[in-house]
Amino acid sequence: MSDTSRHDRAEAETYAGKLNALPHGLFGAWLGILVLFWLRAYGMRSPEAPPFEQDVTPWLALAIAMGFAVALLPRGWYASSSLALERRLYRRLGFDRLRAIITDGDRINRKVRARFPGYRVHVGPDALEAASRRSFRSERAHHGFWWFGTGSSLAAWAGGWPAWAIGLMLGNMVVNLLPMLLQRSTRARLIRVRPSAVHAGFERPA
């Protein structure tokens, strides 16, 4: 790759990063609210706020354990052989349209290519394999945060804070559950193009 090509690639990636700020910001906002919840559960709240009706530490430990337990799942959990069958379901649920607004989604890529023709997130002969590997990493990360968020919602409900429980769970669905399904949808698309690339994405270290 020439110096000019590297320069154009770097500029394209910088521009793509700016366009990806919204999806990243949504996740960051949810994470900040989650931290705020635990701080308030530990007593860092206004005097008029209702007390947390449970011992906080065991619930926090449970939520953290739920999140880290995902690391114990075998890689095959994500390499489901049903991806090809799931493809039709994802299309009916409108995931092809939702893909336009996710990180490095179709709409973002079109805008970047309008300014930098030929831009692709993954390049080279192993581009599809790299896309599969990245999809796997993203789904696994969101899976862990999903269970940590779920544990936090359960803690809020048990502690007598139903509004917090519902709010945290709704945010959890938007920033973790939906991206998890979108990543599966991505691999369902890839497996139609080149199944071997999807399988290779799991066989190599993530």
N, C-alpha and C. Protein backbone atom coordinates (compact mmCIF):
# COMPACT_ATOMS: atom_id res chain seq x y z
N MET A 1 0.85 -1.20 0.00
CA MET A 1 0.00 0.00 0.00
C MET A 1 0.88 1.24 0.00
N SER A 2 0.62 2.17 -0.92
CA SER A 2 1.41 3.38 -1.03
C SER A 2 1.15 4.31 0.14
N ASP A 3 2.06 5.31 0.31
CA ASP A 3 1.89 6.29 1.37
C ASP A 3 0.59 7.06 1.19
N THR A 4 0.25 7.38 -0.08
CA THR A 4 -1.00 8.11 -0.34
C THR A 4 -2.20 7.27 0.06
N SER A 5 -2.17 5.98 -0.27
CA SER A 5 -3.27 5.09 0.08
C SER A 5 -3.43 4.98 1.59
N ARG A 6 -2.28 4.89 2.29
CA ARG A 6 -2.34 4.82 3.75
C ARG A 6 -2.93 6.10 4.32
N HIS A 7 -2.56 7.23 3.73
CA HIS A 7 -3.09 8.52 4.21
C HIS A 7 -4.60 8.59 3.99
N ASP A 8 -5.06 8.18 2.80
CA ASP A 8 -6.49 8.19 2.51
C ASP A 8 -7.23 7.23 3.43
N ARG A 9 -6.63 6.09 3.69
CA ARG A 9 -7.26 5.10 4.57
C ARG A 9 -7.39 5.67 5.98
N ALA A 10 -6.35 6.34 6.46
CA ALA A 10 -6.39 6.92 7.80
C ALA A 10 -7.46 8.00 7.89
N GLU A 11 -7.56 8.84 6.85
CA GLU A 11 -8.58 9.88 6.85
C GLU A 11 -9.98 9.28 6.81
N ALA A 12 -10.14 8.23 6.02
CA ALA A 12 -11.45 7.57 5.92
C ALA A 12 -11.85 6.97 7.27
N GLU A 13 -10.90 6.34 7.95
CA GLU A 13 -11.20 5.74 9.25
C GLU A 13 -11.53 6.81 10.28
N THR A 14 -10.85 7.97 10.20
CA THR A 14 -11.15 9.07 11.11
C THR A 14 -12.57 9.59 10.87
N TYR A 15 -12.93 9.72 9.61
CA TYR A 15 -14.28 10.18 9.26
C TYR A 15 -15.32 9.17 9.70
N ALA A 16 -15.05 7.89 9.49
CA ALA A 16 -15.97 6.85 9.93
C ALA A 16 -16.14 6.88 11.45
N GLY A 17 -15.05 7.16 12.16
CA GLY A 17 -15.13 7.24 13.62
C GLY A 17 -16.06 8.34 14.08
N LYS A 18 -16.04 9.47 13.37
CA LYS A 18 -16.94 10.56 13.71
C LYS A 18 -18.40 10.17 13.48
N LEU A 19 -18.66 9.46 12.40
CA LEU A 19 -20.03 9.03 12.10
C LEU A 19 -20.51 7.96 13.08
N ASN A 20 -19.56 7.22 13.63
CA ASN A 20 -19.91 6.17 14.59
C ASN A 20 -20.10 6.71 16.02
N ALA A 21 -19.95 8.01 16.19
CA ALA A 21 -20.02 8.59 17.53
C ALA A 21 -21.39 8.37 18.18
N LEU A 22 -22.47 8.40 17.39
CA LEU A 22 -23.81 8.25 17.96
C LEU A 22 -24.02 6.88 18.59
N PRO A 23 -23.81 5.76 17.85
CA PRO A 23 -23.99 4.45 18.51
C PRO A 23 -23.05 4.25 19.69
N HIS A 24 -21.82 4.75 19.58
CA HIS A 24 -20.90 4.64 20.71
C HIS A 24 -21.40 5.48 21.89
N GLY A 25 -21.95 6.65 21.58
CA GLY A 25 -22.45 7.53 22.64
C GLY A 25 -23.64 6.94 23.37
N LEU A 26 -24.52 6.24 22.65
CA LEU A 26 -25.67 5.61 23.30
C LEU A 26 -25.21 4.56 24.31
N PHE A 27 -24.23 3.75 23.90
CA PHE A 27 -23.73 2.75 24.83
C PHE A 27 -23.06 3.40 26.02
N GLY A 28 -22.28 4.45 25.78
CA GLY A 28 -21.61 5.16 26.86
C GLY A 28 -22.59 5.78 27.83
N ALA A 29 -23.70 6.31 27.31
CA ALA A 29 -24.72 6.91 28.18
C ALA A 29 -25.36 5.85 29.07
N TRP A 30 -25.67 4.69 28.48
CA TRP A 30 -26.27 3.61 29.27
C TRP A 30 -25.30 3.14 30.35
N LEU A 31 -24.03 3.02 30.00
CA LEU A 31 -23.03 2.58 30.97
C LEU A 31 -22.91 3.59 32.10
N GLY A 32 -22.96 4.89 31.76
CA GLY A 32 -22.89 5.92 32.79
C GLY A 32 -24.08 5.87 33.73
N ILE A 33 -25.27 5.62 33.19
CA ILE A 33 -26.47 5.50 34.02
C ILE A 33 -26.37 4.28 34.92
N LEU A 34 -25.77 3.21 34.39
CA LEU A 34 -25.60 2.00 35.19
C LEU A 34 -24.68 2.27 36.38
N VAL A 35 -23.59 2.98 36.14
CA VAL A 35 -22.68 3.34 37.24
C VAL A 35 -23.39 4.23 38.25
N LEU A 36 -24.19 5.17 37.76
CA LEU A 36 -24.94 6.05 38.65
C LEU A 36 -25.91 5.26 39.53
N PHE A 37 -26.53 4.26 38.95
CA PHE A 37 -27.45 3.42 39.73
C PHE A 37 -26.72 2.77 40.90
N TRP A 38 -25.57 2.17 40.63
CA TRP A 38 -24.86 1.49 41.71
C TRP A 38 -24.34 2.47 42.76
N LEU A 39 -23.92 3.64 42.34
CA LEU A 39 -23.48 4.66 43.30
C LEU A 39 -24.64 5.07 44.21
N ARG A 40 -25.80 5.23 43.63
CA ARG A 40 -26.97 5.61 44.44
C ARG A 40 -27.42 4.46 45.34
N ALA A 41 -27.30 3.24 44.82
CA ALA A 41 -27.66 2.08 45.65
C ALA A 41 -26.76 1.98 46.88
N TYR A 42 -25.51 2.43 46.74
CA TYR A 42 -24.58 2.42 47.86
C TYR A 42 -24.74 3.63 48.78
N GLY A 43 -25.73 4.46 48.51
CA GLY A 43 -26.03 5.55 49.42
C GLY A 43 -25.66 6.92 48.94
N MET A 44 -25.09 7.03 47.73
CA MET A 44 -24.72 8.35 47.20
C MET A 44 -25.92 8.95 46.47
N ARG A 45 -26.94 9.33 47.22
CA ARG A 45 -28.18 9.86 46.66
C ARG A 45 -28.70 10.98 47.55
N SER A 46 -29.69 11.67 47.05
CA SER A 46 -30.28 12.76 47.82
C SER A 46 -31.05 12.20 49.01
N PRO A 47 -31.17 12.95 50.10
CA PRO A 47 -31.82 12.45 51.31
C PRO A 47 -33.26 12.01 51.10
N GLU A 48 -33.98 12.66 50.15
CA GLU A 48 -35.38 12.32 49.95
C GLU A 48 -35.60 11.07 49.10
N ALA A 49 -34.53 10.52 48.51
CA ALA A 49 -34.66 9.32 47.69
C ALA A 49 -35.00 8.12 48.57
N PRO A 50 -35.82 7.19 48.08
CA PRO A 50 -36.17 6.01 48.88
C PRO A 50 -34.95 5.15 49.13
N PRO A 51 -34.86 4.48 50.27
CA PRO A 51 -33.70 3.64 50.56
C PRO A 51 -33.69 2.39 49.68
N PHE A 52 -32.51 1.87 49.48
CA PHE A 52 -32.36 0.61 48.76
C PHE A 52 -32.62 -0.50 49.76
N GLU A 53 -33.59 -1.35 49.48
CA GLU A 53 -34.10 -2.30 50.46
C GLU A 53 -33.33 -3.60 50.54
N GLN A 54 -32.15 -3.66 49.95
CA GLN A 54 -31.34 -4.87 49.98
C GLN A 54 -29.90 -4.52 50.33
N ASP A 55 -29.15 -5.55 50.76
CA ASP A 55 -27.71 -5.39 50.92
C ASP A 55 -27.11 -5.30 49.51
N VAL A 56 -26.45 -4.20 49.23
CA VAL A 56 -26.04 -3.92 47.84
C VAL A 56 -24.94 -4.84 47.35
N THR A 57 -23.95 -5.11 48.18
CA THR A 57 -22.74 -5.82 47.73
C THR A 57 -23.03 -7.19 47.11
N PRO A 58 -23.87 -8.04 47.72
CA PRO A 58 -24.14 -9.34 47.07
C PRO A 58 -24.79 -9.19 45.69
N TRP A 59 -25.65 -8.17 45.53
CA TRP A 59 -26.30 -7.97 44.24
C TRP A 59 -25.29 -7.50 43.20
N LEU A 60 -24.37 -6.63 43.61
CA LEU A 60 -23.33 -6.18 42.67
C LEU A 60 -22.43 -7.35 42.29
N ALA A 61 -22.08 -8.17 43.26
CA ALA A 61 -21.25 -9.34 42.98
C ALA A 61 -21.96 -10.28 42.01
N LEU A 62 -23.28 -10.46 42.21
CA LEU A 62 -24.04 -11.33 41.31
C LEU A 62 -24.05 -10.78 39.89
N ALA A 63 -24.28 -9.47 39.76
CA ALA A 63 -24.33 -8.85 38.43
C ALA A 63 -22.98 -8.99 37.72
N ILE A 64 -21.88 -8.77 38.45
CA ILE A 64 -20.55 -8.91 37.85
C ILE A 64 -20.29 -10.35 37.45
N ALA A 65 -20.69 -11.30 38.32
CA ALA A 65 -20.50 -12.72 38.01
C ALA A 65 -21.29 -13.12 36.77
N MET A 66 -22.51 -12.60 36.64
CA MET A 66 -23.33 -12.91 35.47
C MET A 66 -22.65 -12.41 34.20
N GLY A 67 -22.06 -11.23 34.26
CA GLY A 67 -21.38 -10.68 33.09
C GLY A 67 -20.15 -11.47 32.71
N PHE A 68 -19.33 -11.82 33.70
CA PHE A 68 -18.09 -12.53 33.41
C PHE A 68 -18.32 -13.99 33.07
N ALA A 69 -19.46 -14.54 33.46
CA ALA A 69 -19.75 -15.95 33.16
C ALA A 69 -19.80 -16.20 31.66
N VAL A 70 -20.08 -15.14 30.89
CA VAL A 70 -20.14 -15.28 29.44
C VAL A 70 -18.79 -15.74 28.88
N ALA A 71 -17.70 -15.35 29.53
CA ALA A 71 -16.36 -15.73 29.07
C ALA A 71 -16.17 -17.24 29.12
N LEU A 72 -16.99 -17.93 29.91
CA LEU A 72 -16.86 -19.39 30.04
C LEU A 72 -17.62 -20.14 28.96
N LEU A 73 -18.44 -19.43 28.19
CA LEU A 73 -19.19 -20.09 27.14
C LEU A 73 -18.25 -20.55 26.03
N PRO A 74 -18.48 -21.74 25.48
CA PRO A 74 -17.63 -22.19 24.36
C PRO A 74 -17.85 -21.32 23.12
N ARG A 75 -16.85 -21.26 22.28
CA ARG A 75 -16.96 -20.46 21.06
C ARG A 75 -18.10 -20.96 20.18
N GLY A 76 -18.39 -22.25 20.27
CA GLY A 76 -19.47 -22.81 19.47
C GLY A 76 -20.82 -22.22 19.80
N TRP A 77 -20.97 -21.61 20.97
CA TRP A 77 -22.22 -20.95 21.34
C TRP A 77 -22.58 -19.87 20.31
N TYR A 78 -21.56 -19.21 19.78
CA TYR A 78 -21.77 -18.13 18.84
C TYR A 78 -21.72 -18.61 17.39
N ALA A 79 -21.17 -19.79 17.18
CA ALA A 79 -21.05 -20.33 15.82
C ALA A 79 -22.21 -21.25 15.52
N SER A 80 -23.41 -20.77 15.78
CA SER A 80 -24.60 -21.59 15.61
C SER A 80 -24.76 -22.03 14.17
N SER A 81 -25.10 -23.31 13.99
CA SER A 81 -25.34 -23.83 12.65
C SER A 81 -26.68 -23.37 12.10
N SER A 82 -27.47 -22.68 12.93
CA SER A 82 -28.80 -22.23 12.50
C SER A 82 -28.77 -20.85 11.87
N LEU A 83 -27.58 -20.27 11.68
CA LEU A 83 -27.49 -18.91 11.15
C LEU A 83 -28.22 -18.77 9.82
N ALA A 84 -28.05 -19.76 8.95
CA ALA A 84 -28.70 -19.68 7.64
C ALA A 84 -30.22 -19.64 7.79
N LEU A 85 -30.74 -20.39 8.77
CA LEU A 85 -32.19 -20.40 9.00
C LEU A 85 -32.65 -19.09 9.64
N GLU A 86 -31.79 -18.50 10.46
CA GLU A 86 -32.15 -17.26 11.14
C GLU A 86 -32.23 -16.09 10.17
N ARG A 87 -31.55 -16.20 9.05
CA ARG A 87 -31.48 -15.10 8.09
C ARG A 87 -32.87 -14.59 7.71
N ARG A 88 -33.81 -15.50 7.42
CA ARG A 88 -35.16 -15.08 7.02
C ARG A 88 -35.85 -14.35 8.16
N LEU A 89 -35.68 -14.82 9.39
CA LEU A 89 -36.29 -14.17 10.54
C LEU A 89 -35.77 -12.75 10.71
N TYR A 90 -34.46 -12.58 10.59
CA TYR A 90 -33.88 -11.25 10.74
C TYR A 90 -34.42 -10.30 9.67
N ARG A 91 -34.58 -10.78 8.48
CA ARG A 91 -35.11 -9.93 7.41
C ARG A 91 -36.54 -9.51 7.72
N ARG A 92 -37.35 -10.44 8.21
CA ARG A 92 -38.73 -10.11 8.54
C ARG A 92 -38.83 -9.13 9.69
N LEU A 93 -37.90 -9.18 10.59
CA LEU A 93 -37.90 -8.26 11.72
C LEU A 93 -37.32 -6.88 11.37
N GLY A 94 -36.86 -6.72 10.14
CA GLY A 94 -36.35 -5.43 9.70
C GLY A 94 -34.91 -5.14 10.06
N PHE A 95 -34.14 -6.19 10.33
CA PHE A 95 -32.76 -5.98 10.74
C PHE A 95 -31.91 -5.40 9.62
N ASP A 96 -32.28 -5.65 8.37
CA ASP A 96 -31.52 -5.06 7.27
C ASP A 96 -31.60 -3.54 7.29
N ARG A 97 -32.74 -3.01 7.75
CA ARG A 97 -32.87 -1.55 7.85
C ARG A 97 -32.16 -1.04 9.10
N LEU A 98 -32.23 -1.80 10.18
CA LEU A 98 -31.55 -1.38 11.40
C LEU A 98 -30.04 -1.35 11.24
N ARG A 99 -29.54 -2.20 10.35
CA ARG A 99 -28.09 -2.28 10.14
C ARG A 99 -27.53 -0.95 9.65
N ALA A 100 -28.38 -0.11 9.06
CA ALA A 100 -27.90 1.15 8.50
C ALA A 100 -27.40 2.10 9.58
N ILE A 101 -27.88 1.95 10.82
CA ILE A 101 -27.56 2.94 11.84
C ILE A 101 -26.62 2.42 12.92
N ILE A 102 -26.17 1.17 12.81
CA ILE A 102 -25.26 0.64 13.82
C ILE A 102 -23.83 1.07 13.51
N THR A 103 -22.92 0.73 14.41
CA THR A 103 -21.51 1.05 14.20
C THR A 103 -21.01 0.44 12.89
N ASP A 104 -20.41 1.27 12.04
CA ASP A 104 -19.95 0.84 10.72
C ASP A 104 -21.07 0.21 9.91
N GLY A 105 -22.29 0.72 10.10
CA GLY A 105 -23.44 0.20 9.38
C GLY A 105 -23.46 0.64 7.93
N ASP A 106 -24.47 0.16 7.20
CA ASP A 106 -24.53 0.41 5.76
C ASP A 106 -24.59 1.90 5.43
N ARG A 107 -25.39 2.65 6.18
CA ARG A 107 -25.51 4.08 5.88
C ARG A 107 -24.19 4.81 6.14
N ILE A 108 -23.55 4.46 7.25
CA ILE A 108 -22.26 5.08 7.56
C ILE A 108 -21.23 4.75 6.49
N ASN A 109 -21.19 3.49 6.07
CA ASN A 109 -20.23 3.11 5.04
C ASN A 109 -20.49 3.83 3.72
N ARG A 110 -21.77 4.03 3.38
CA ARG A 110 -22.08 4.75 2.14
C ARG A 110 -21.58 6.20 2.21
N LYS A 111 -21.76 6.82 3.37
CA LYS A 111 -21.29 8.21 3.52
C LYS A 111 -19.77 8.29 3.43
N VAL A 112 -19.10 7.32 4.03
CA VAL A 112 -17.63 7.34 3.97
C VAL A 112 -17.17 7.11 2.53
N ARG A 113 -17.81 6.16 1.83
CA ARG A 113 -17.40 5.88 0.44
C ARG A 113 -17.72 7.04 -0.50
N ALA A 114 -18.74 7.85 -0.14
CA ALA A 114 -19.04 9.02 -0.97
C ALA A 114 -17.88 10.00 -0.94
N ARG A 115 -17.17 10.04 0.18
CA ARG A 115 -16.03 10.95 0.30
C ARG A 115 -14.72 10.26 -0.04
N PHE A 116 -14.64 8.97 0.26
CA PHE A 116 -13.42 8.19 0.01
C PHE A 116 -13.82 6.94 -0.78
N PRO A 117 -13.93 7.04 -2.10
CA PRO A 117 -14.36 5.90 -2.93
C PRO A 117 -13.48 4.68 -2.70
N GLY A 118 -14.12 3.54 -2.66
CA GLY A 118 -13.39 2.29 -2.47
C GLY A 118 -13.17 1.91 -1.03
N TYR A 119 -13.62 2.75 -0.08
CA TYR A 119 -13.41 2.44 1.34
C TYR A 119 -14.17 1.19 1.74
N ARG A 120 -13.53 0.34 2.48
CA ARG A 120 -14.16 -0.84 3.07
C ARG A 120 -13.64 -0.96 4.50
N VAL A 121 -14.50 -1.42 5.40
CA VAL A 121 -14.07 -1.61 6.79
C VAL A 121 -12.97 -2.65 6.85
N HIS A 122 -13.16 -3.75 6.12
CA HIS A 122 -12.17 -4.82 6.08
C HIS A 122 -11.67 -4.95 4.64
N VAL A 123 -10.37 -5.06 4.48
CA VAL A 123 -9.79 -5.16 3.14
C VAL A 123 -8.87 -6.38 3.09
N GLY A 124 -8.56 -6.81 1.89
CA GLY A 124 -7.65 -7.93 1.71
C GLY A 124 -8.39 -9.23 1.44
N PRO A 125 -7.64 -10.27 1.14
CA PRO A 125 -8.25 -11.56 0.79
C PRO A 125 -9.03 -12.20 1.94
N ASP A 126 -8.71 -11.81 3.18
CA ASP A 126 -9.40 -12.41 4.33
C ASP A 126 -10.42 -11.43 4.93
N ALA A 127 -10.96 -10.54 4.09
CA ALA A 127 -11.88 -9.51 4.59
C ALA A 127 -13.13 -10.12 5.23
N LEU A 128 -13.70 -11.14 4.59
CA LEU A 128 -14.92 -11.74 5.14
C LEU A 128 -14.62 -12.47 6.45
N GLU A 129 -13.48 -13.10 6.51
CA GLU A 129 -13.07 -13.76 7.75
C GLU A 129 -12.88 -12.74 8.87
N ALA A 130 -12.26 -11.60 8.53
CA ALA A 130 -12.06 -10.54 9.52
C ALA A 130 -13.39 -9.97 9.99
N ALA A 131 -14.35 -9.83 9.07
CA ALA A 131 -15.67 -9.33 9.44
C ALA A 131 -16.37 -10.31 10.38
N SER A 132 -16.24 -11.60 10.11
CA SER A 132 -16.83 -12.62 10.97
C SER A 132 -16.20 -12.59 12.35
N ARG A 133 -14.88 -12.45 12.40
CA ARG A 133 -14.15 -12.43 13.67
C ARG A 133 -14.55 -11.21 14.50
N ARG A 134 -14.68 -10.06 13.82
CA ARG A 134 -15.08 -8.84 14.52
C ARG A 134 -16.52 -8.97 15.03
N SER A 135 -17.38 -9.58 14.23
CA SER A 135 -18.77 -9.78 14.64
C SER A 135 -18.84 -10.66 15.88
N PHE A 136 -18.03 -11.70 15.91
CA PHE A 136 -17.98 -12.60 17.06
C PHE A 136 -17.52 -11.86 18.31
N ARG A 137 -16.47 -11.05 18.18
CA ARG A 137 -15.96 -10.30 19.34
C ARG A 137 -17.03 -9.34 19.86
N SER A 138 -17.69 -8.65 18.93
CA SER A 138 -18.70 -7.68 19.34
C SER A 138 -19.87 -8.35 20.04
N GLU A 139 -20.34 -9.46 19.48
CA GLU A 139 -21.47 -10.15 20.12
C GLU A 139 -21.10 -10.65 21.50
N ARG A 140 -19.90 -11.19 21.64
CA ARG A 140 -19.49 -11.71 22.94
C ARG A 140 -19.40 -10.59 23.98
N ALA A 141 -18.88 -9.42 23.57
CA ALA A 141 -18.78 -8.29 24.50
C ALA A 141 -20.17 -7.80 24.92
N HIS A 142 -21.06 -7.62 23.94
CA HIS A 142 -22.41 -7.18 24.27
C HIS A 142 -23.15 -8.23 25.11
N HIS A 143 -22.83 -9.49 24.88
CA HIS A 143 -23.45 -10.56 25.66
C HIS A 143 -23.09 -10.42 27.14
N GLY A 144 -21.81 -10.14 27.40
CA GLY A 144 -21.39 -9.95 28.78
C GLY A 144 -22.06 -8.75 29.42
N PHE A 145 -22.11 -7.62 28.72
CA PHE A 145 -22.77 -6.43 29.26
C PHE A 145 -24.27 -6.66 29.43
N TRP A 146 -24.86 -7.46 28.54
CA TRP A 146 -26.29 -7.76 28.66
C TRP A 146 -26.59 -8.42 30.00
N TRP A 147 -25.80 -9.41 30.37
CA TRP A 147 -26.06 -10.11 31.62
C TRP A 147 -25.70 -9.26 32.83
N PHE A 148 -24.68 -8.43 32.72
CA PHE A 148 -24.38 -7.49 33.82
C PHE A 148 -25.53 -6.51 33.99
N GLY A 149 -26.06 -6.01 32.87
CA GLY A 149 -27.20 -5.10 32.94
C GLY A 149 -28.44 -5.78 33.48
N THR A 150 -28.64 -7.04 33.09
CA THR A 150 -29.80 -7.79 33.59
C THR A 150 -29.69 -7.99 35.10
N GLY A 151 -28.49 -8.33 35.58
CA GLY A 151 -28.30 -8.47 37.01
C GLY A 151 -28.53 -7.17 37.75
N SER A 152 -28.15 -6.07 37.14
CA SER A 152 -28.37 -4.75 37.75
C SER A 152 -29.86 -4.44 37.82
N SER A 153 -30.60 -4.78 36.77
CA SER A 153 -32.05 -4.56 36.76
C SER A 153 -32.73 -5.40 37.84
N LEU A 154 -32.29 -6.65 37.99
CA LEU A 154 -32.86 -7.50 39.03
C LEU A 154 -32.58 -6.92 40.41
N ALA A 155 -31.36 -6.38 40.58
CA ALA A 155 -31.02 -5.76 41.87
C ALA A 155 -31.91 -4.56 42.15
N ALA A 156 -32.13 -3.73 41.12
CA ALA A 156 -32.98 -2.55 41.30
C ALA A 156 -34.40 -2.95 41.68
N TRP A 157 -34.92 -3.99 41.05
CA TRP A 157 -36.29 -4.44 41.36
C TRP A 157 -36.36 -4.98 42.78
N ALA A 158 -35.36 -5.81 43.15
CA ALA A 158 -35.35 -6.39 44.50
C ALA A 158 -35.17 -5.31 45.55
N GLY A 159 -34.46 -4.23 45.18
CA GLY A 159 -34.21 -3.16 46.14
C GLY A 159 -35.35 -2.17 46.25
N GLY A 160 -36.44 -2.40 45.54
CA GLY A 160 -37.60 -1.51 45.64
C GLY A 160 -37.52 -0.29 44.76
N TRP A 161 -36.72 -0.37 43.68
CA TRP A 161 -36.59 0.73 42.74
C TRP A 161 -37.09 0.28 41.36
N PRO A 162 -38.39 0.10 41.18
CA PRO A 162 -38.92 -0.43 39.90
C PRO A 162 -38.64 0.46 38.70
N ALA A 163 -38.64 1.78 38.89
CA ALA A 163 -38.37 2.68 37.76
C ALA A 163 -36.96 2.47 37.23
N TRP A 164 -36.02 2.34 38.16
CA TRP A 164 -34.64 2.07 37.75
C TRP A 164 -34.55 0.72 37.04
N ALA A 165 -35.24 -0.28 37.59
CA ALA A 165 -35.19 -1.63 37.01
C ALA A 165 -35.69 -1.62 35.56
N ILE A 166 -36.81 -0.96 35.34
CA ILE A 166 -37.39 -0.92 33.99
C ILE A 166 -36.51 -0.09 33.05
N GLY A 167 -36.05 1.06 33.53
CA GLY A 167 -35.21 1.91 32.69
C GLY A 167 -33.91 1.24 32.29
N LEU A 168 -33.26 0.58 33.26
CA LEU A 168 -32.01 -0.11 32.94
C LEU A 168 -32.23 -1.24 31.94
N MET A 169 -33.33 -1.97 32.10
CA MET A 169 -33.59 -3.08 31.19
C MET A 169 -33.92 -2.60 29.78
N LEU A 170 -34.70 -1.53 29.68
CA LEU A 170 -35.01 -0.99 28.35
C LEU A 170 -33.74 -0.52 27.65
N GLY A 171 -32.89 0.19 28.39
CA GLY A 171 -31.62 0.60 27.81
C GLY A 171 -30.75 -0.59 27.44
N ASN A 172 -30.78 -1.61 28.27
CA ASN A 172 -30.01 -2.83 28.02
C ASN A 172 -30.43 -3.49 26.72
N MET A 173 -31.73 -3.48 26.45
CA MET A 173 -32.23 -4.08 25.22
C MET A 173 -31.75 -3.31 24.00
N VAL A 174 -31.70 -1.98 24.11
CA VAL A 174 -31.29 -1.15 22.97
C VAL A 174 -29.80 -1.26 22.69
N VAL A 175 -28.98 -1.19 23.74
CA VAL A 175 -27.53 -1.09 23.52
C VAL A 175 -26.81 -2.44 23.59
N ASN A 176 -27.49 -3.50 24.03
CA ASN A 176 -26.82 -4.80 24.10
C ASN A 176 -27.57 -5.92 23.39
N LEU A 177 -28.84 -6.11 23.71
CA LEU A 177 -29.58 -7.20 23.07
C LEU A 177 -29.70 -6.98 21.57
N LEU A 178 -30.10 -5.78 21.18
CA LEU A 178 -30.24 -5.49 19.75
C LEU A 178 -28.91 -5.64 19.00
N PRO A 179 -27.80 -5.08 19.50
CA PRO A 179 -26.52 -5.31 18.81
C PRO A 179 -26.12 -6.79 18.74
N MET A 180 -26.45 -7.57 19.78
CA MET A 180 -26.15 -9.00 19.73
C MET A 180 -26.85 -9.66 18.55
N LEU A 181 -28.14 -9.36 18.41
CA LEU A 181 -28.91 -9.95 17.31
C LEU A 181 -28.44 -9.42 15.96
N LEU A 182 -28.05 -8.15 15.92
CA LEU A 182 -27.55 -7.58 14.67
C LEU A 182 -26.24 -8.25 14.25
N GLN A 183 -25.39 -8.60 15.20
CA GLN A 183 -24.16 -9.29 14.85
C GLN A 183 -24.44 -10.69 14.32
N ARG A 184 -25.43 -11.34 14.88
CA ARG A 184 -25.82 -12.65 14.35
C ARG A 184 -26.39 -12.49 12.94
N SER A 185 -27.14 -11.42 12.75
CA SER A 185 -27.67 -11.14 11.42
C SER A 185 -26.55 -10.90 10.42
N THR A 186 -25.51 -10.20 10.86
CA THR A 186 -24.35 -9.97 9.99
C THR A 186 -23.72 -11.28 9.56
N ARG A 187 -23.52 -12.19 10.52
CA ARG A 187 -22.91 -13.47 10.17
C ARG A 187 -23.84 -14.33 9.33
N ALA A 188 -25.15 -14.13 9.51
CA ALA A 188 -26.10 -14.85 8.66
C ALA A 188 -25.97 -14.40 7.21
N ARG A 189 -25.69 -13.12 7.00
CA ARG A 189 -25.44 -12.61 5.64
C ARG A 189 -24.13 -13.17 5.11
N LEU A 190 -23.10 -13.16 5.95
CA LEU A 190 -21.79 -13.62 5.50
C LEU A 190 -21.80 -15.10 5.15
N ILE A 191 -22.56 -15.87 5.90
CA ILE A 191 -22.53 -17.32 5.69
C ILE A 191 -23.17 -17.69 4.36
N ARG A 192 -24.02 -16.80 3.84
CA ARG A 192 -24.60 -17.03 2.52
C ARG A 192 -23.56 -16.79 1.43
N VAL A 193 -22.64 -15.87 1.69
CA VAL A 193 -21.63 -15.52 0.69
C VAL A 193 -20.49 -16.53 0.70
N ARG A 194 -19.95 -16.79 1.89
CA ARG A 194 -18.81 -17.72 2.00
C ARG A 194 -18.82 -18.36 3.38
N PRO A 195 -19.47 -19.50 3.53
CA PRO A 195 -19.53 -20.18 4.84
C PRO A 195 -18.16 -20.45 5.44
N SER A 196 -17.19 -20.78 4.60
CA SER A 196 -15.87 -21.11 5.13
C SER A 196 -15.23 -19.93 5.84
N ALA A 197 -15.51 -18.70 5.37
CA ALA A 197 -14.93 -17.51 6.01
C ALA A 197 -15.52 -17.31 7.39
N VAL A 198 -16.81 -17.58 7.55
CA VAL A 198 -17.46 -17.43 8.85
C VAL A 198 -16.89 -18.45 9.83
N HIS A 199 -16.74 -19.68 9.40
CA HIS A 199 -16.21 -20.71 10.28
C HIS A 199 -14.75 -20.42 10.64
N ALA A 200 -13.99 -19.92 9.67
CA ALA A 200 -12.59 -19.60 9.95
C ALA A 200 -12.48 -18.46 10.95
N GLY A 201 -13.45 -17.56 10.95
CA GLY A 201 -13.46 -16.45 11.89
C GLY A 201 -13.56 -16.90 13.32
N PHE A 202 -14.13 -18.09 13.53
CA PHE A 202 -14.23 -18.63 14.89
C PHE A 202 -13.01 -19.48 15.25
N GLU A 203 -12.41 -20.07 14.26
CA GLU A 203 -11.30 -20.97 14.53
C GLU A 203 -10.04 -20.22 14.92
N ARG A 204 -9.86 -19.00 14.39
CA ARG A 204 -8.69 -18.21 14.75
C ARG A 204 -8.94 -17.42 16.00
N PRO A 205 -7.91 -17.07 16.76
CA PRO A 205 -8.09 -16.31 18.00
C PRO A 205 -8.80 -15.00 17.74
N ALA A 206 -9.74 -14.63 18.67
CA ALA A 206 -10.50 -13.39 18.51
C ALA A 206 -9.80 -12.26 19.21
